C-alpha atoms as a PDB file:
ATOM      1  CA  UNK A   1      49.522 298.683-111.987  1.00  0.00           C
ATOM      2  CA  UNK A   2      46.319 300.228-113.341  1.00  0.00           C
ATOM      3  CA  UNK A   3      48.170 301.573-116.355  1.00  0.00           C
ATOM      4  CA  UNK A   4      49.545 298.146-117.231  1.00  0.00           C
ATOM      5  CA  UNK A   5      46.068 296.645-116.855  1.00  0.00           C
ATOM      6  CA  UNK A   6      44.671 299.242-119.284  1.00  0.00           C
ATOM      7  CA  UNK A   7      47.469 298.510-121.789  1.00  0.00           C
ATOM      8  CA  UNK A   8      46.703 294.780-121.728  1.00  0.00           C
ATOM      9  CA  UNK A   9      42.939 295.352-121.901  1.00  0.00           C
ATOM     10  CA  UNK A  10      43.072 297.837-124.824  1.00  0.00           C
ATOM     11  CA  UNK A  11      46.153 296.235-126.456  1.00  0.00           C
ATOM     12  CA  UNK A  12      47.505 299.743-127.019  1.00  0.00           C
ATOM     13  CA  UNK A  13      50.293 301.804-125.428  1.00  0.00           C
ATOM     14  CA  UNK A  14      48.631 305.064-126.399  1.00  0.00           C
ATOM     15  CA  UNK A  15      48.457 306.283-122.781  1.00  0.00           C
ATOM     16  CA  UNK A  16      51.797 304.870-121.612  1.00  0.00           C
ATOM     17  CA  UNK A  17      54.663 307.175-122.637  1.00  0.00           C
ATOM     18  CA  UNK A  18      57.837 305.289-123.533  1.00  0.00           C
ATOM     19  CA  UNK A  19      60.356 307.731-122.080  1.00  0.00           C
ATOM     20  CA  UNK A  20      58.579 307.890-118.723  1.00  0.00           C
ATOM     21  CA  UNK A  21      58.585 304.088-118.496  1.00  0.00           C
ATOM     22  CA  UNK A  22      62.205 303.875-119.632  1.00  0.00           C
ATOM     23  CA  UNK A  23      63.584 306.442-117.210  1.00  0.00           C
ATOM     24  CA  UNK A  24      61.611 305.061-114.261  1.00  0.00           C
ATOM     25  CA  UNK A  25      63.110 301.635-114.991  1.00  0.00           C
ATOM     26  CA  UNK A  26      66.564 303.162-115.385  1.00  0.00           C
ATOM     27  CA  UNK A  27      66.207 305.062-112.100  1.00  0.00           C
ATOM     28  CA  UNK A  28      65.200 301.891-110.273  1.00  0.00           C
ATOM     29  CA  UNK A  29      68.117 300.012-111.795  1.00  0.00           C
ATOM     30  CA  UNK A  30      70.696 302.619-110.852  1.00  0.00           C
ATOM     31  CA  UNK A  31      69.460 302.841-107.254  1.00  0.00           C
ATOM     32  CA  UNK A  32      69.383 299.050-107.026  1.00  0.00           C
ATOM     33  CA  UNK A  33      72.980 298.891-108.244  1.00  0.00           C
ATOM     34  CA  UNK A  34      73.957 301.520-105.686  1.00  0.00           C
ATOM     35  CA  UNK A  35      72.183 299.565-102.932  1.00  0.00           C
ATOM     36  CA  UNK A  36      74.060 296.389-103.914  1.00  0.00           C
ATOM     37  CA  UNK A  37      77.409 298.204-103.863  1.00  0.00           C
ATOM     38  CA  UNK A  38      76.601 299.844-100.507  1.00  0.00           C
ATOM     39  CA  UNK A  39      75.003 296.680 -99.042  1.00  0.00           C
ATOM     40  CA  UNK A  40      71.860 298.645 -98.178  1.00  0.00           C
ATOM     41  CA  UNK A  41      69.082 296.077 -97.787  1.00  0.00           C
ATOM     42  CA  UNK A  42      66.174 298.528 -97.487  1.00  0.00           C
ATOM     43  CA  UNK A  43      67.151 300.639-100.485  1.00  0.00           C
ATOM     44  CA  UNK A  44      67.846 297.558-102.577  1.00  0.00           C
ATOM     45  CA  UNK A  45      64.513 295.824-101.948  1.00  0.00           C
ATOM     46  CA  UNK A  46      62.300 298.834-102.737  1.00  0.00           C
ATOM     47  CA  UNK A  47      64.211 299.910-105.822  1.00  0.00           C
ATOM     48  CA  UNK A  48      64.738 296.324-106.960  1.00  0.00           C
ATOM     49  CA  UNK A  49      60.966 295.874-107.035  1.00  0.00           C
ATOM     50  CA  UNK A  50      60.647 299.124-108.984  1.00  0.00           C
ATOM     51  CA  UNK A  51      63.317 297.975-111.434  1.00  0.00           C
ATOM     52  CA  UNK A  52      61.553 294.651-112.036  1.00  0.00           C
ATOM     53  CA  UNK A  53      58.192 296.390-112.505  1.00  0.00           C
ATOM     54  CA  UNK A  54      59.853 298.824-114.929  1.00  0.00           C
ATOM     55  CA  UNK A  55      61.192 295.912-116.982  1.00  0.00           C
ATOM     56  CA  UNK A  56      57.687 294.409-117.052  1.00  0.00           C
ATOM     57  CA  UNK A  57      56.267 297.768-118.178  1.00  0.00           C
ATOM     58  CA  UNK A  58      58.827 298.092-120.994  1.00  0.00           C
ATOM     59  CA  UNK A  59      58.090 294.500-122.034  1.00  0.00           C
ATOM     60  CA  UNK A  60      54.397 295.405-122.296  1.00  0.00           C
ATOM     61  CA  UNK A  61      55.367 298.440-124.351  1.00  0.00           C
ATOM     62  CA  UNK A  62      57.369 296.288-126.778  1.00  0.00           C
ATOM     63  CA  UNK A  63      54.548 293.747-127.083  1.00  0.00           C
ATOM     64  CA  UNK A  64      51.749 296.272-127.698  1.00  0.00           C
ATOM     65  CA  UNK A  65      53.682 299.039-129.437  1.00  0.00           C
ATOM     66  CA  UNK A  66      52.354 298.146-132.925  1.00  0.00           C
ATOM     67  CA  UNK A  67      48.694 297.229-132.598  1.00  0.00           C
ATOM     68  CA  UNK A  68      47.628 294.310-134.728  1.00  0.00           C
ATOM     69  CA  UNK A  69      44.575 295.380-136.733  1.00  0.00           C
ATOM     70  CA  UNK A  70      42.486 292.672-138.437  1.00  0.00           C
ATOM     71  CA  UNK A  71      42.340 292.999-142.238  1.00  0.00           C
ATOM     72  CA  UNK A  72      38.636 293.857-142.362  1.00  0.00           C
ATOM     73  CA  UNK A  73      39.192 296.734-139.915  1.00  0.00           C
ATOM     74  CA  UNK A  74      42.296 297.897-141.781  1.00  0.00           C
ATOM     75  CA  UNK A  75      40.272 298.257-145.007  1.00  0.00           C
ATOM     76  CA  UNK A  76      37.617 300.269-143.168  1.00  0.00           C
ATOM     77  CA  UNK A  77      40.288 302.563-141.708  1.00  0.00           C
ATOM     78  CA  UNK A  78      41.810 303.166-145.159  1.00  0.00           C
ATOM     79  CA  UNK A  79      38.393 304.003-146.634  1.00  0.00           C
ATOM     80  CA  UNK A  80      37.700 306.339-143.739  1.00  0.00           C
ATOM     81  CA  UNK A  81      41.031 308.153-144.205  1.00  0.00           C
ATOM     82  CA  UNK A  82      40.363 308.578-147.939  1.00  0.00           C
ATOM     83  CA  UNK A  83      37.050 310.259-147.129  1.00  0.00           C
ATOM     84  CA  UNK A  84      38.835 312.721-144.859  1.00  0.00           C
ATOM     85  CA  UNK A  85      41.399 313.508-147.518  1.00  0.00           C
ATOM     86  CA  UNK A  86      38.651 314.524-149.896  1.00  0.00           C
ATOM     87  CA  UNK A  87      37.149 316.797-147.257  1.00  0.00           C
ATOM     88  CA  UNK A  88      40.447 318.423-146.368  1.00  0.00           C
ATOM     89  CA  UNK A  89      41.835 318.761-149.907  1.00  0.00           C
ATOM     90  CA  UNK A  90      38.817 319.077-152.208  1.00  0.00           C
ATOM     91  CA  UNK A  91      39.331 319.154-155.933  1.00  0.00           C
ATOM     92  CA  UNK A  92      39.136 322.846-156.870  1.00  0.00           C
ATOM     93  CA  UNK A  93      37.548 322.198-160.297  1.00  0.00           C
ATOM     94  CA  UNK A  94      34.813 320.041-158.780  1.00  0.00           C
ATOM     95  CA  UNK A  95      34.162 322.743-156.190  1.00  0.00           C
ATOM     96  CA  UNK A  96      33.786 325.443-158.892  1.00  0.00           C
ATOM     97  CA  UNK A  97      31.392 323.348-160.958  1.00  0.00           C
ATOM     98  CA  UNK A  98      29.245 322.713-157.846  1.00  0.00           C
ATOM     99  CA  UNK A  99      29.069 326.464-157.156  1.00  0.00           C
ATOM    100  CA  UNK A 100      28.165 327.134-160.772  1.00  0.00           C
ATOM    101  CA  UNK A 101      25.394 324.538-160.668  1.00  0.00           C
ATOM    102  CA  UNK A 102      23.944 326.155-157.556  1.00  0.00           C
ATOM    103  CA  UNK A 103      23.875 329.560-159.296  1.00  0.00           C
ATOM    104  CA  UNK A 104      22.423 328.035-162.438  1.00  0.00           C
ATOM    105  CA  UNK A 105      25.323 329.027-164.687  1.00  0.00           C
ATOM    106  CA  UNK A 106      27.713 326.877-166.641  1.00  0.00           C
ATOM    107  CA  UNK A 107      31.473 326.982-166.033  1.00  0.00           C
ATOM    108  CA  UNK A 108      32.102 328.286-169.566  1.00  0.00           C
ATOM    109  CA  UNK A 109      30.004 331.428-169.161  1.00  0.00           C
END
């Protein structure tokens, strides 16, 4: 339940893996189906609760899977990513001219 609370609070499923949630729900569903076929009350109640909680968890995943970013934050994120691109892939010609300026020579020499 703490994980679901964190997902709702942060509005992000970053720390809730989809496949773990899916297979836990699937496991609860299969055991619940088995308990219904076998008329096993104790097995059905516990796994039925797990199945319902798994469906709630997957519903939260679907709701918060694509975070909604306000436009003013989206622009800031794009500007920030452009700055990182320049740091990772610097323009080679600009880098050479900066080195030449530090040495006091011109690029044509």
